[in-house]
Amino acid sequence: MDLENTQSQMRKGILEYCIMCIIDKKECYASDIIDRMKEAKLIVVEGTLYPLLTRLKNAGLLNYKWEESKSGPPRKYYTLTTEGEEFLEGMHATWSELSGAVNKILKNK
């Protein structure tokens, strides 16, 4: 079994949740999301982020708006929709339950 592959799969499984948590705090440009993820040691590249943002938008969980930039082309800023906020609340509950269960197992090993 390949440890790097398993680690990658674990990270992919929580990317959507982490990205939505970042956007929940304030509207975000894609590079803001990437920077926050890097700060948390969850490396994500544009080739992974943009398809995920598109999927979340198509699912009705995100909105975006274009804003002019002082240093280049217009930027797309993302926010959660009302449905996205409700979905994120469900994800918070799921994460709490899941992390609690894993922590319980780890304490008993």
PDB file of N, CA and C in Angstrom:
ATOM      1  N   MET A   1       0.853  -1.186   0.000  1.00  0.00           N
ATOM      2  CA  MET A   1       0.000   0.000   0.000  1.00  0.00           C
ATOM      3  C   MET A   1       0.889   1.237   0.000  1.00  0.00           C
ATOM      4  N   ASP A   2       0.455   2.275  -0.688  1.00  0.00           N
ATOM      5  CA  ASP A   2       1.229   3.496  -0.854  1.00  0.00           C
ATOM      6  C   ASP A   2       0.760   4.560   0.140  1.00  0.00           C
ATOM      7  N   LEU A   3       1.628   4.918   1.102  1.00  0.00           N
ATOM      8  CA  LEU A   3       1.278   5.896   2.132  1.00  0.00           C
ATOM      9  C   LEU A   3       0.970   7.260   1.523  1.00  0.00           C
ATOM     10  N   GLU A   4       1.763   7.689   0.559  1.00  0.00           N
ATOM     11  CA  GLU A   4       1.530   9.000  -0.060  1.00  0.00           C
ATOM     12  C   GLU A   4       0.158   9.063  -0.718  1.00  0.00           C
ATOM     13  N   ASN A   5      -0.271   7.995  -1.371  1.00  0.00           N
ATOM     14  CA  ASN A   5      -1.584   7.962  -1.992  1.00  0.00           C
ATOM     15  C   ASN A   5      -2.685   8.052  -0.934  1.00  0.00           C
ATOM     16  N   THR A   6      -2.516   7.322   0.152  1.00  0.00           N
ATOM     17  CA  THR A   6      -3.507   7.360   1.232  1.00  0.00           C
ATOM     18  C   THR A   6      -3.584   8.755   1.836  1.00  0.00           C
ATOM     19  N   GLN A   7      -2.431   9.381   2.074  1.00  0.00           N
ATOM     20  CA  GLN A   7      -2.410  10.746   2.613  1.00  0.00           C
ATOM     21  C   GLN A   7      -3.113  11.717   1.670  1.00  0.00           C
ATOM     22  N   SER A   8      -2.851  11.564   0.384  1.00  0.00           N
ATOM     23  CA  SER A   8      -3.479  12.422  -0.623  1.00  0.00           C
ATOM     24  C   SER A   8      -4.996  12.255  -0.608  1.00  0.00           C
ATOM     25  N   GLN A   9      -5.470  11.036  -0.509  1.00  0.00           N
ATOM     26  CA  GLN A   9      -6.912  10.769  -0.482  1.00  0.00           C
ATOM     27  C   GLN A   9      -7.556  11.363   0.767  1.00  0.00           C
ATOM     28  N   MET A  10      -6.859  11.292   1.897  1.00  0.00           N
ATOM     29  CA  MET A  10      -7.392  11.872   3.133  1.00  0.00           C
ATOM     30  C   MET A  10      -7.527  13.393   2.988  1.00  0.00           C
ATOM     31  N   ARG A  11      -6.526  14.027   2.410  1.00  0.00           N
ATOM     32  CA  ARG A  11      -6.565  15.484   2.206  1.00  0.00           C
ATOM     33  C   ARG A  11      -7.699  15.871   1.251  1.00  0.00           C
ATOM     34  N   LYS A  12      -7.831  15.135   0.161  1.00  0.00           N
ATOM     35  CA  LYS A  12      -8.883  15.435  -0.811  1.00  0.00           C
ATOM     36  C   LYS A  12     -10.255  15.339  -0.168  1.00  0.00           C
ATOM     37  N   GLY A  13     -10.396  14.425   0.747  1.00  0.00           N
ATOM     38  CA  GLY A  13     -11.684  14.230   1.399  1.00  0.00           C
ATOM     39  C   GLY A  13     -12.138  15.407   2.241  1.00  0.00           C
ATOM     40  N   ILE A  14     -11.227  16.248   2.677  1.00  0.00           N
ATOM     41  CA  ILE A  14     -11.610  17.383   3.518  1.00  0.00           C
ATOM     42  C   ILE A  14     -11.419  18.737   2.836  1.00  0.00           C
ATOM     43  N   LEU A  15     -10.931  18.744   1.605  1.00  0.00           N
ATOM     44  CA  LEU A  15     -10.715  20.011   0.899  1.00  0.00           C
ATOM     45  C   LEU A  15     -11.994  20.823   0.767  1.00  0.00           C
ATOM     46  N   GLU A  16     -13.062  20.204   0.333  1.00  0.00           N
ATOM     47  CA  GLU A  16     -14.323  20.903   0.129  1.00  0.00           C
ATOM     48  C   GLU A  16     -14.775  21.580   1.427  1.00  0.00           C
ATOM     49  N   TYR A  17     -14.682  20.858   2.513  1.00  0.00           N
ATOM     50  CA  TYR A  17     -15.079  21.402   3.814  1.00  0.00           C
ATOM     51  C   TYR A  17     -14.207  22.593   4.195  1.00  0.00           C
ATOM     52  N   CYS A  18     -12.902  22.446   4.074  1.00  0.00           N
ATOM     53  CA  CYS A  18     -11.982  23.527   4.440  1.00  0.00           C
ATOM     54  C   CYS A  18     -12.187  24.763   3.570  1.00  0.00           C
ATOM     55  N   ILE A  19     -12.374  24.556   2.284  1.00  0.00           N
ATOM     56  CA  ILE A  19     -12.586  25.679   1.373  1.00  0.00           C
ATOM     57  C   ILE A  19     -13.870  26.422   1.714  1.00  0.00           C
ATOM     58  N   MET A  20     -14.922  25.686   1.996  1.00  0.00           N
ATOM     59  CA  MET A  20     -16.177  26.338   2.368  1.00  0.00           C
ATOM     60  C   MET A  20     -16.048  27.083   3.698  1.00  0.00           C
ATOM     61  N   CYS A  21     -15.277  26.550   4.630  1.00  0.00           N
ATOM     62  CA  CYS A  21     -15.043  27.242   5.902  1.00  0.00           C
ATOM     63  C   CYS A  21     -14.304  28.556   5.679  1.00  0.00           C
ATOM     64  N   ILE A  22     -13.331  28.559   4.785  1.00  0.00           N
ATOM     65  CA  ILE A  22     -12.581  29.780   4.475  1.00  0.00           C
ATOM     66  C   ILE A  22     -13.506  30.824   3.850  1.00  0.00           C
ATOM     67  N   ILE A  23     -14.303  30.406   2.893  1.00  0.00           N
ATOM     68  CA  ILE A  23     -15.210  31.336   2.210  1.00  0.00           C
ATOM     69  C   ILE A  23     -16.288  31.837   3.157  1.00  0.00           C
ATOM     70  N   ASP A  24     -16.667  31.040   4.145  1.00  0.00           N
ATOM     71  CA  ASP A  24     -17.694  31.434   5.108  1.00  0.00           C
ATOM     72  C   ASP A  24     -17.265  32.655   5.913  1.00  0.00           C
ATOM     73  N   LYS A  25     -15.983  32.810   6.163  1.00  0.00           N
ATOM     74  CA  LYS A  25     -15.486  33.922   6.981  1.00  0.00           C
ATOM     75  C   LYS A  25     -15.603  35.257   6.261  1.00  0.00           C
ATOM     76  N   LYS A  26     -15.328  35.272   4.957  1.00  0.00           N
ATOM     77  CA  LYS A  26     -15.446  36.486   4.144  1.00  0.00           C
ATOM     78  C   LYS A  26     -15.316  36.103   2.685  1.00  0.00           C
ATOM     79  N   GLU A  27     -15.751  37.002   1.798  1.00  0.00           N
ATOM     80  CA  GLU A  27     -15.621  36.698   0.377  1.00  0.00           C
ATOM     81  C   GLU A  27     -14.147  36.533   0.040  1.00  0.00           C
ATOM     82  N   CYS A  28     -13.857  35.597  -0.851  1.00  0.00           N
ATOM     83  CA  CYS A  28     -12.473  35.229  -1.124  1.00  0.00           C
ATOM     84  C   CYS A  28     -12.198  35.113  -2.610  1.00  0.00           C
ATOM     85  N   TYR A  29     -11.014  35.525  -2.968  1.00  0.00           N
ATOM     86  CA  TYR A  29     -10.444  35.327  -4.287  1.00  0.00           C
ATOM     87  C   TYR A  29      -9.706  33.991  -4.227  1.00  0.00           C
ATOM     88  N   ALA A  30      -9.573  33.294  -5.334  1.00  0.00           N
ATOM     89  CA  ALA A  30      -8.957  31.961  -5.336  1.00  0.00           C
ATOM     90  C   ALA A  30      -7.570  31.959  -4.701  1.00  0.00           C
ATOM     91  N   SER A  31      -6.767  32.969  -4.971  1.00  0.00           N
ATOM     92  CA  SER A  31      -5.420  32.978  -4.376  1.00  0.00           C
ATOM     93  C   SER A  31      -5.477  33.164  -2.861  1.00  0.00           C
ATOM     94  N   ASP A  32      -6.514  33.847  -2.358  1.00  0.00           N
ATOM     95  CA  ASP A  32      -6.702  33.963  -0.900  1.00  0.00           C
ATOM     96  C   ASP A  32      -6.942  32.573  -0.298  1.00  0.00           C
ATOM     97  N   ILE A  33      -7.748  31.784  -0.977  1.00  0.00           N
ATOM     98  CA  ILE A  33      -8.052  30.427  -0.516  1.00  0.00           C
ATOM     99  C   ILE A  33      -6.780  29.585  -0.505  1.00  0.00           C
ATOM    100  N   ILE A  34      -6.023  29.660  -1.583  1.00  0.00           N
ATOM    101  CA  ILE A  34      -4.773  28.900  -1.667  1.00  0.00           C
ATOM    102  C   ILE A  34      -3.822  29.315  -0.555  1.00  0.00           C
ATOM    103  N   ASP A  35      -3.697  30.614  -0.306  1.00  0.00           N
ATOM    104  CA  ASP A  35      -2.812  31.094   0.768  1.00  0.00           C
ATOM    105  C   ASP A  35      -3.251  30.577   2.133  1.00  0.00           C
ATOM    106  N   ARG A  36      -4.547  30.629   2.416  1.00  0.00           N
ATOM    107  CA  ARG A  36      -5.052  30.133   3.711  1.00  0.00           C
ATOM    108  C   ARG A  36      -4.810  28.641   3.859  1.00  0.00           C
ATOM    109  N   MET A  37      -4.988  27.906   2.771  1.00  0.00           N
ATOM    110  CA  MET A  37      -4.749  26.464   2.820  1.00  0.00           C
ATOM    111  C   MET A  37      -3.268  26.178   3.069  1.00  0.00           C
ATOM    112  N   LYS A  38      -2.384  26.926   2.414  1.00  0.00           N
ATOM    113  CA  LYS A  38      -0.951  26.741   2.621  1.00  0.00           C
ATOM    114  C   LYS A  38      -0.559  27.050   4.062  1.00  0.00           C
ATOM    115  N   GLU A  39      -1.130  28.117   4.634  1.00  0.00           N
ATOM    116  CA  GLU A  39      -0.861  28.462   6.032  1.00  0.00           C
ATOM    117  C   GLU A  39      -1.217  27.308   6.958  1.00  0.00           C
ATOM    118  N   ALA A  40      -2.249  26.579   6.604  1.00  0.00           N
ATOM    119  CA  ALA A  40      -2.709  25.444   7.409  1.00  0.00           C
ATOM    120  C   ALA A  40      -2.003  24.141   7.038  1.00  0.00           C
ATOM    121  N   LYS A  41      -1.039  24.226   6.112  1.00  0.00           N
ATOM    122  CA  LYS A  41      -0.278  23.052   5.656  1.00  0.00           C
ATOM    123  C   LYS A  41      -1.133  22.085   4.845  1.00  0.00           C
ATOM    124  N   LEU A  42      -2.193  22.592   4.237  1.00  0.00           N
ATOM    125  CA  LEU A  42      -3.023  21.815   3.315  1.00  0.00           C
ATOM    126  C   LEU A  42      -2.786  22.388   1.924  1.00  0.00           C
ATOM    127  N   ILE A  43      -1.792  21.891   1.272  1.00  0.00           N
ATOM    128  CA  ILE A  43      -1.395  22.421  -0.014  1.00  0.00           C
ATOM    129  C   ILE A  43      -2.436  22.056  -1.074  1.00  0.00           C
ATOM    130  N   VAL A  44      -2.893  23.072  -1.786  1.00  0.00           N
ATOM    131  CA  VAL A  44      -3.828  22.872  -2.892  1.00  0.00           C
ATOM    132  C   VAL A  44      -3.350  23.762  -4.037  1.00  0.00           C
ATOM    133  N   VAL A  45      -3.417  23.237  -5.240  1.00  0.00           N
ATOM    134  CA  VAL A  45      -2.972  23.984  -6.412  1.00  0.00           C
ATOM    135  C   VAL A  45      -4.194  24.451  -7.210  1.00  0.00           C
ATOM    136  N   GLU A  46      -3.975  25.427  -8.085  1.00  0.00           N
ATOM    137  CA  GLU A  46      -5.073  25.978  -8.874  1.00  0.00           C
ATOM    138  C   GLU A  46      -5.799  24.906  -9.679  1.00  0.00           C
ATOM    139  N   GLY A  47      -5.054  23.942 -10.187  1.00  0.00           N
ATOM    140  CA  GLY A  47      -5.652  22.874 -10.986  1.00  0.00           C
ATOM    141  C   GLY A  47      -6.611  21.998 -10.200  1.00  0.00           C
ATOM    142  N   THR A  48      -6.495  22.013  -8.886  1.00  0.00           N
ATOM    143  CA  THR A  48      -7.422  21.297  -8.012  1.00  0.00           C
ATOM    144  C   THR A  48      -8.530  22.230  -7.539  1.00  0.00           C
ATOM    145  N   LEU A  49      -8.153  23.476  -7.214  1.00  0.00           N
ATOM    146  CA  LEU A  49      -9.096  24.417  -6.625  1.00  0.00           C
ATOM    147  C   LEU A  49     -10.194  24.859  -7.588  1.00  0.00           C
ATOM    148  N   TYR A  50      -9.831  25.270  -8.790  1.00  0.00           N
ATOM    149  CA  TYR A  50     -10.833  25.819  -9.700  1.00  0.00           C
ATOM    150  C   TYR A  50     -11.935  24.830 -10.065  1.00  0.00           C
ATOM    151  N   PRO A  51     -11.619  23.581 -10.383  1.00  0.00           N
ATOM    152  CA  PRO A  51     -12.726  22.634 -10.645  1.00  0.00           C
ATOM    153  C   PRO A  51     -13.621  22.424  -9.419  1.00  0.00           C
ATOM    154  N   LEU A  52     -13.025  22.438  -8.231  1.00  0.00           N
ATOM    155  CA  LEU A  52     -13.816  22.274  -7.014  1.00  0.00           C
ATOM    156  C   LEU A  52     -14.735  23.474  -6.804  1.00  0.00           C
ATOM    157  N   LEU A  53     -14.215  24.692  -7.019  1.00  0.00           N
ATOM    158  CA  LEU A  53     -15.048  25.892  -6.891  1.00  0.00           C
ATOM    159  C   LEU A  53     -16.191  25.869  -7.913  1.00  0.00           C
ATOM    160  N   THR A  54     -15.897  25.435  -9.120  1.00  0.00           N
ATOM    161  CA  THR A  54     -16.928  25.337 -10.156  1.00  0.00           C
ATOM    162  C   THR A  54     -17.991  24.325  -9.758  1.00  0.00           C
ATOM    163  N   ARG A  55     -17.577  23.182  -9.225  1.00  0.00           N
ATOM    164  CA  ARG A  55     -18.530  22.161  -8.798  1.00  0.00           C
ATOM    165  C   ARG A  55     -19.422  22.680  -7.667  1.00  0.00           C
ATOM    166  N   LEU A  56     -18.830  23.396  -6.706  1.00  0.00           N
ATOM    167  CA  LEU A  56     -19.610  23.955  -5.596  1.00  0.00           C
ATOM    168  C   LEU A  56     -20.587  25.022  -6.095  1.00  0.00           C
ATOM    169  N   LYS A  57     -20.152  25.834  -7.060  1.00  0.00           N
ATOM    170  CA  LYS A  57     -21.035  26.845  -7.631  1.00  0.00           C
ATOM    171  C   LYS A  57     -22.182  26.187  -8.391  1.00  0.00           C
ATOM    172  N   ASN A  58     -21.863  25.185  -9.199  1.00  0.00           N
ATOM    173  CA  ASN A  58     -22.906  24.489  -9.967  1.00  0.00           C
ATOM    174  C   ASN A  58     -23.902  23.771  -9.065  1.00  0.00           C
ATOM    175  N   ALA A  59     -23.459  23.406  -7.873  1.00  0.00           N
ATOM    176  CA  ALA A  59     -24.346  22.761  -6.902  1.00  0.00           C
ATOM    177  C   ALA A  59     -25.196  23.787  -6.141  1.00  0.00           C
ATOM    178  N   GLY A  60     -24.977  25.071  -6.411  1.00  0.00           N
ATOM    179  CA  GLY A  60     -25.759  26.114  -5.751  1.00  0.00           C
ATOM    180  C   GLY A  60     -25.240  26.508  -4.381  1.00  0.00           C
ATOM    181  N   LEU A  61     -24.016  26.102  -4.042  1.00  0.00           N
ATOM    182  CA  LEU A  61     -23.468  26.379  -2.713  1.00  0.00           C
ATOM    183  C   LEU A  61     -22.629  27.650  -2.677  1.00  0.00           C
ATOM    184  N   LEU A  62     -22.163  28.110  -3.845  1.00  0.00           N
ATOM    185  CA  LEU A  62     -21.346  29.315  -3.937  1.00  0.00           C
ATOM    186  C   LEU A  62     -21.918  30.278  -4.960  1.00  0.00           C
ATOM    187  N   ASN A  63     -21.675  31.555  -4.711  1.00  0.00           N
ATOM    188  CA  ASN A  63     -21.883  32.616  -5.687  1.00  0.00           C
ATOM    189  C   ASN A  63     -20.529  33.244  -5.941  1.00  0.00           C
ATOM    190  N   TYR A  64     -20.435  34.009  -7.004  1.00  0.00           N
ATOM    191  CA  TYR A  64     -19.226  34.790  -7.215  1.00  0.00           C
ATOM    192  C   TYR A  64     -19.581  36.114  -7.860  1.00  0.00           C
ATOM    193  N   LYS A  65     -18.673  37.056  -7.715  1.00  0.00           N
ATOM    194  CA  LYS A  65     -18.817  38.339  -8.398  1.00  0.00           C
ATOM    195  C   LYS A  65     -17.441  38.749  -8.899  1.00  0.00           C
ATOM    196  N   TRP A  66     -17.450  39.473  -9.990  1.00  0.00           N
ATOM    197  CA  TRP A  66     -16.213  39.960 -10.576  1.00  0.00           C
ATOM    198  C   TRP A  66     -15.915  41.342 -10.020  1.00  0.00           C
ATOM    199  N   GLU A  67     -14.651  41.574  -9.677  1.00  0.00           N
ATOM    200  CA  GLU A  67     -14.209  42.903  -9.248  1.00  0.00           C
ATOM    201  C   GLU A  67     -12.961  43.281 -10.015  1.00  0.00           C
ATOM    202  N   GLU A  68     -12.896  44.544 -10.400  1.00  0.00           N
ATOM    203  CA  GLU A  68     -11.713  45.034 -11.092  1.00  0.00           C
ATOM    204  C   GLU A  68     -10.514  44.977 -10.153  1.00  0.00           C
ATOM    205  N   SER A  69      -9.358  44.698 -10.730  1.00  0.00           N
ATOM    206  CA  SER A  69      -8.118  44.630  -9.970  1.00  0.00           C
ATOM    207  C   SER A  69      -7.219  45.784 -10.376  1.00  0.00           C
ATOM    208  N   LYS A  70      -6.483  46.318  -9.410  1.00  0.00           N
ATOM    209  CA  LYS A  70      -5.540  47.401  -9.690  1.00  0.00           C
ATOM    210  C   LYS A  70      -4.300  46.882 -10.411  1.00  0.00           C
ATOM    211  N   SER A  71      -4.067  45.588 -10.308  1.00  0.00           N
ATOM    212  CA  SER A  71      -2.820  45.038 -10.848  1.00  0.00           C
ATOM    213  C   SER A  71      -3.035  43.870 -11.802  1.00  0.00           C
ATOM    214  N   GLY A  72      -4.042  43.960 -12.658  1.00  0.00           N
ATOM    215  CA  GLY A  72      -4.247  42.870 -13.602  1.00  0.00           C
ATOM    216  C   GLY A  72      -5.698  42.725 -13.995  1.00  0.00           C
ATOM    217  N   PRO A  73      -6.047  41.532 -14.453  1.00  0.00           N
ATOM    218  CA  PRO A  73      -7.429  41.297 -14.906  1.00  0.00           C
ATOM    219  C   PRO A  73      -8.410  41.290 -13.731  1.00  0.00           C
ATOM    220  N   PRO A  74      -9.705  41.394 -14.024  1.00  0.00           N
ATOM    221  CA  PRO A  74     -10.711  41.326 -12.954  1.00  0.00           C
ATOM    222  C   PRO A  74     -10.576  40.015 -12.172  1.00  0.00           C
ATOM    223  N   ARG A  75     -11.000  40.068 -10.915  1.00  0.00           N
ATOM    224  CA  ARG A  75     -10.912  38.895 -10.034  1.00  0.00           C
ATOM    225  C   ARG A  75     -12.307  38.403  -9.684  1.00  0.00           C
ATOM    226  N   LYS A  76     -12.402  37.102  -9.544  1.00  0.00           N
ATOM    227  CA  LYS A  76     -13.659  36.466  -9.168  1.00  0.00           C
ATOM    228  C   LYS A  76     -13.616  36.204  -7.663  1.00  0.00           C
ATOM    229  N   TYR A  77     -14.553  36.825  -6.925  1.00  0.00           N
ATOM    230  CA  TYR A  77     -14.642  36.646  -5.478  1.00  0.00           C
ATOM    231  C   TYR A  77     -15.840  35.761  -5.154  1.00  0.00           C
ATOM    232  N   TYR A  78     -15.600  34.774  -4.299  1.00  0.00           N
ATOM    233  CA  TYR A  78     -16.603  33.768  -3.956  1.00  0.00           C
ATOM    234  C   TYR A  78     -17.224  34.038  -2.596  1.00  0.00           C
ATOM    235  N   THR A  79     -18.511  33.753  -2.477  1.00  0.00           N
ATOM    236  CA  THR A  79     -19.244  33.786  -1.212  1.00  0.00           C
ATOM    237  C   THR A  79     -20.139  32.554  -1.156  1.00  0.00           C
ATOM    238  N   LEU A  80     -20.563  32.206   0.040  1.00  0.00           N
ATOM    239  CA  LEU A  80     -21.520  31.110   0.198  1.00  0.00           C
ATOM    240  C   LEU A  80     -22.929  31.615  -0.079  1.00  0.00           C
ATOM    241  N   THR A  81     -23.733  30.789  -0.695  1.00  0.00           N
ATOM    242  CA  THR A  81     -25.160  31.079  -0.838  1.00  0.00           C
ATOM    243  C   THR A  81     -25.842  30.691   0.477  1.00  0.00           C
ATOM    244  N   THR A  82     -27.110  31.001   0.589  1.00  0.00           N
ATOM    245  CA  THR A  82     -27.867  30.559   1.762  1.00  0.00           C
ATOM    246  C   THR A  82     -27.842  29.034   1.845  1.00  0.00           C
ATOM    247  N   GLU A  83     -28.007  28.386   0.698  1.00  0.00           N
ATOM    248  CA  GLU A  83     -27.939  26.922   0.661  1.00  0.00           C
ATOM    249  C   GLU A  83     -26.545  26.439   1.068  1.00  0.00           C
ATOM    250  N   GLY A  84     -25.520  27.166   0.652  1.00  0.00           N
ATOM    251  CA  GLY A  84     -24.146  26.824   1.028  1.00  0.00           C
ATOM    252  C   GLY A  84     -23.920  26.942   2.525  1.00  0.00           C
ATOM    253  N   GLU A  85     -24.506  27.978   3.136  1.00  0.00           N
ATOM    254  CA  GLU A  85     -24.386  28.152   4.591  1.00  0.00           C
ATOM    255  C   GLU A  85     -25.052  26.990   5.323  1.00  0.00           C
ATOM    256  N   GLU A  86     -26.222  26.580   4.842  1.00  0.00           N
ATOM    257  CA  GLU A  86     -26.933  25.455   5.457  1.00  0.00           C
ATOM    258  C   GLU A  86     -26.152  24.152   5.266  1.00  0.00           C
ATOM    259  N   PHE A  87     -25.604  23.972   4.072  1.00  0.00           N
ATOM    260  CA  PHE A  87     -24.800  22.785   3.781  1.00  0.00           C
ATOM    261  C   PHE A  87     -23.575  22.748   4.686  1.00  0.00           C
ATOM    262  N   LEU A  88     -22.936  23.909   4.871  1.00  0.00           N
ATOM    263  CA  LEU A  88     -21.750  23.985   5.725  1.00  0.00           C
ATOM    264  C   LEU A  88     -22.090  23.641   7.171  1.00  0.00           C
ATOM    265  N   GLU A  89     -23.250  24.059   7.637  1.00  0.00           N
ATOM    266  CA  GLU A  89     -23.669  23.690   8.999  1.00  0.00           C
ATOM    267  C   GLU A  89     -23.739  22.171   9.140  1.00  0.00           C
ATOM    268  N   GLY A  90     -24.278  21.510   8.135  1.00  0.00           N
ATOM    269  CA  GLY A  90     -24.323  20.043   8.146  1.00  0.00           C
ATOM    270  C   GLY A  90     -22.926  19.441   8.122  1.00  0.00           C
ATOM    271  N   MET A  91     -22.037  20.073   7.359  1.00  0.00           N
ATOM    272  CA  MET A  91     -20.656  19.591   7.315  1.00  0.00           C
ATOM    273  C   MET A  91     -19.961  19.776   8.667  1.00  0.00           C
ATOM    274  N   HIS A  92     -20.254  20.894   9.354  1.00  0.00           N
ATOM    275  CA  HIS A  92     -19.691  21.107  10.692  1.00  0.00           C
ATOM    276  C   HIS A  92     -20.104  19.963  11.625  1.00  0.00           C
ATOM    277  N   ALA A  93     -21.379  19.619  11.588  1.00  0.00           N
ATOM    278  CA  ALA A  93     -21.882  18.547  12.445  1.00  0.00           C
ATOM    279  C   ALA A  93     -21.218  17.217  12.097  1.00  0.00           C
ATOM    280  N   THR A  94     -21.093  16.942  10.800  1.00  0.00           N
ATOM    281  CA  THR A  94     -20.456  15.701  10.362  1.00  0.00           C
ATOM    282  C   THR A  94     -18.999  15.660  10.791  1.00  0.00           C
ATOM    283  N   TRP A  95     -18.287  16.776  10.617  1.00  0.00           N
ATOM    284  CA  TRP A  95     -16.872  16.830  11.001  1.00  0.00           C
ATOM    285  C   TRP A  95     -16.717  16.620  12.505  1.00  0.00           C
ATOM    286  N   SER A  96     -17.573  17.256  13.285  1.00  0.00           N
ATOM    287  CA  SER A  96     -17.503  17.121  14.732  1.00  0.00           C
ATOM    288  C   SER A  96     -17.692  15.662  15.148  1.00  0.00           C
ATOM    289  N   GLU A  97     -18.685  15.018  14.559  1.00  0.00           N
ATOM    290  CA  GLU A  97     -18.953  13.611  14.861  1.00  0.00           C
ATOM    291  C   GLU A  97     -17.789  12.719  14.421  1.00  0.00           C
ATOM    292  N   LEU A  98     -17.306  12.940  13.209  1.00  0.00           N
ATOM    293  CA  LEU A  98     -16.220  12.130  12.667  1.00  0.00           C
ATOM    294  C   LEU A  98     -14.915  12.330  13.431  1.00  0.00           C
ATOM    295  N   SER A  99     -14.547  13.588  13.691  1.00  0.00           N
ATOM    296  CA  SER A  99     -13.292  13.833  14.408  1.00  0.00           C
ATOM    297  C   SER A  99     -13.377  13.319  15.841  1.00  0.00           C
ATOM    298  N   GLY A 100     -14.554  13.422  16.458  1.00  0.00           N
ATOM    299  CA  GLY A 100     -14.724  12.877  17.796  1.00  0.00           C
ATOM    300  C   GLY A 100     -14.550  11.370  17.817  1.00  0.00           C
ATOM    301  N   ALA A 101     -15.103  10.701  16.820  1.00  0.00           N
ATOM    302  CA  ALA A 101     -14.987   9.237  16.746  1.00  0.00           C
ATOM    303  C   ALA A 101     -13.533   8.826  16.518  1.00  0.00           C
ATOM    304  N   VAL A 102     -12.832   9.519  15.619  1.00  0.00           N
ATOM    305  CA  VAL A 102     -11.428   9.181  15.353  1.00  0.00           C
ATOM    306  C   VAL A 102     -10.586   9.460  16.592  1.00  0.00           C
ATOM    307  N   ASN A 103     -10.803  10.572  17.251  1.00  0.00           N
ATOM    308  CA  ASN A 103     -10.043  10.890  18.467  1.00  0.00           C
ATOM    309  C   ASN A 103     -10.279   9.855  19.563  1.00  0.00           C
ATOM    310  N   LYS A 104     -11.514   9.383  19.661  1.00  0.00           N
ATOM    311  CA  LYS A 104     -11.832   8.350  20.651  1.00  0.00           C
ATOM    312  C   LYS A 104     -11.056   7.075  20.369  1.00  0.00           C
ATOM    313  N   ILE A 105     -10.997   6.705  19.096  1.00  0.00           N
ATOM    314  CA  ILE A 105     -10.237   5.515  18.716  1.00  0.00           C
ATOM    315  C   ILE A 105      -8.753   5.713  18.993  1.00  0.00           C
ATOM    316  N   LEU A 106      -8.235   6.886  18.653  1.00  0.00           N
ATOM    317  CA  LEU A 106      -6.797   7.148  18.867  1.00  0.00           C
ATOM    318  C   LEU A 106      -6.423   7.130  20.348  1.00  0.00           C
ATOM    319  N   LYS A 107      -7.318   7.609  21.206  1.00  0.00           N
ATOM    320  CA  LYS A 107      -7.039   7.602  22.645  1.00  0.00           C
ATOM    321  C   LYS A 107      -7.010   6.193  23.215  1.00  0.00           C
ATOM    322  N   ASN A 108      -7.706   5.263  22.577  1.00  0.00           N
ATOM    323  CA  ASN A 108      -7.797   3.889  23.067  1.00  0.00           C
ATOM    324  C   ASN A 108      -6.849   2.924  22.378  1.00  0.00           C
ATOM    325  N   LYS A 109      -5.888   3.444  21.631  1.00  0.00           N
ATOM    326  CA  LYS A 109      -5.022   2.512  20.890  1.00  0.00           C
ATOM    327  C   LYS A 109      -3.935   1.900  21.753  1.00  0.00           C
TER     328      LYS A 109
END
